[in-house]
Amino acid sequence: MTNKRYREEITIMTNKRLSYEELMDLALKNYNEGGDVIYECWGVEEFRDYEKMFGPMTEKEARSLFRVSSSLRDEAIGAASF
C-alpha cells in the first residue's frame, strides 16, 4: 500500500459517521485518555443532541472530545493541588 493510499484510508475512517454504539466502543478503548467522560456520562439522547448541534459524530470529533475531557480533568487536578 502506498503512503497516499494509506492517508486516504485514514481520512475516510476518521470522517465516517459513528453510530452511538461505535462511539461507546471507541470511548471505552480510550477510557483513560478522556473517553471515560463520554462512556460514563453520555446516553443516546446526549449523542443525538450533539449531532443536532454540531453535525455527525466522527472518529476525529470523538478523539477531539476525548482530548478536551482529558485536558479539563488534568486542569482540575492541578487546580485542586493548590
Protein backbone atom coordinates (compact mmCIF):
# COMPACT_ATOMS: atom_id res chain seq x y z
CA MET A 1 0.00 0.00 0.00
CA THR A 2 1.36 3.40 -0.91
CA ASN A 3 1.60 6.25 1.60
CA LYS A 4 -1.00 8.21 -0.36
CA ARG A 5 -3.48 5.32 -0.27
CA TYR A 6 -2.84 4.80 3.45
CA ARG A 7 -3.55 8.51 4.16
CA GLU A 8 -6.74 8.32 2.08
CA GLU A 9 -7.94 5.30 4.07
CA ILE A 10 -7.19 7.04 7.38
CA THR A 11 -9.10 10.13 6.21
CA ILE A 12 -12.10 8.02 5.21
CA MET A 13 -12.01 6.16 8.53
CA THR A 14 -11.81 9.32 10.64
CA ASN A 15 -14.57 11.09 8.68
CA LYS A 16 -17.07 8.21 8.81
CA ARG A 17 -20.19 8.95 10.86
CA LEU A 18 -20.15 6.90 14.04
CA SER A 19 -23.23 5.26 15.49
CA TYR A 20 -23.86 5.58 19.21
CA GLU A 21 -22.55 2.05 19.74
CA GLU A 22 -19.38 2.77 17.76
CA LEU A 23 -18.81 5.92 19.81
CA MET A 24 -19.19 3.95 23.05
CA ASP A 25 -16.74 1.29 21.79
CA LEU A 26 -14.20 3.98 20.88
CA ALA A 27 -14.73 5.77 24.21
CA LEU A 28 -14.16 2.53 26.12
CA LYS A 29 -10.98 1.82 24.15
CA ASN A 30 -9.79 5.34 25.04
CA TYR A 31 -11.18 5.34 28.57
CA ASN A 32 -8.01 6.64 30.26
CA GLU A 33 -7.39 9.24 27.56
CA GLY A 34 -10.65 11.15 28.11
CA GLY A 35 -13.11 8.61 26.75
CA ASP A 36 -14.34 7.95 30.27
CA VAL A 37 -16.49 11.09 30.28
CA ILE A 38 -18.32 10.04 27.12
CA TYR A 39 -18.57 6.41 28.19
CA GLU A 40 -19.84 7.16 31.70
CA CYS A 41 -21.99 10.23 31.07
CA TRP A 42 -23.43 10.07 27.55
CA GLY A 43 -26.60 8.26 26.67
CA VAL A 44 -28.34 8.10 23.32
CA GLU A 45 -30.03 11.46 23.97
CA GLU A 46 -26.72 13.26 24.57
CA PHE A 47 -25.38 11.69 21.39
CA ARG A 48 -28.41 12.88 19.41
CA ASP A 49 -28.20 16.34 20.97
CA TYR A 50 -24.52 16.58 19.97
CA GLU A 51 -25.34 15.64 16.39
CA LYS A 52 -28.19 18.17 16.24
CA MET A 53 -25.87 20.94 17.42
CA PHE A 54 -22.61 20.03 15.69
CA GLY A 55 -23.35 17.53 12.94
CA PRO A 56 -22.29 13.90 12.57
CA MET A 57 -20.05 12.36 15.20
CA THR A 58 -16.90 11.10 13.53
CA GLU A 59 -13.86 9.40 14.98
CA LYS A 60 -11.97 12.66 14.54
CA GLU A 61 -14.65 14.56 16.51
CA ALA A 62 -14.75 11.89 19.21
CA ARG A 63 -10.99 11.94 19.68
CA SER A 64 -11.13 15.72 19.93
CA LEU A 65 -13.76 15.44 22.70
CA PHE A 66 -11.58 12.88 24.50
CA ARG A 67 -8.63 15.31 24.43
CA VAL A 68 -10.77 18.16 25.79
CA SER A 69 -12.13 15.95 28.57
CA SER A 70 -8.66 14.76 29.49
CA SER A 71 -7.30 18.31 29.45
CA LEU A 72 -10.11 19.61 31.66
CA ARG A 73 -9.54 16.78 34.13
CA ASP A 74 -5.81 17.47 34.24
CA GLU A 75 -6.53 21.16 34.78
CA ALA A 76 -8.97 20.43 37.62
CA ILE A 77 -6.48 18.08 39.30
CA GLY A 78 -3.78 20.71 39.01
CA ALA A 79 -6.04 23.40 40.49
CA ALA A 80 -7.02 21.12 43.35
CA SER A 81 -3.39 20.64 44.35
CA PHE A 82 -3.01 24.31 45.34
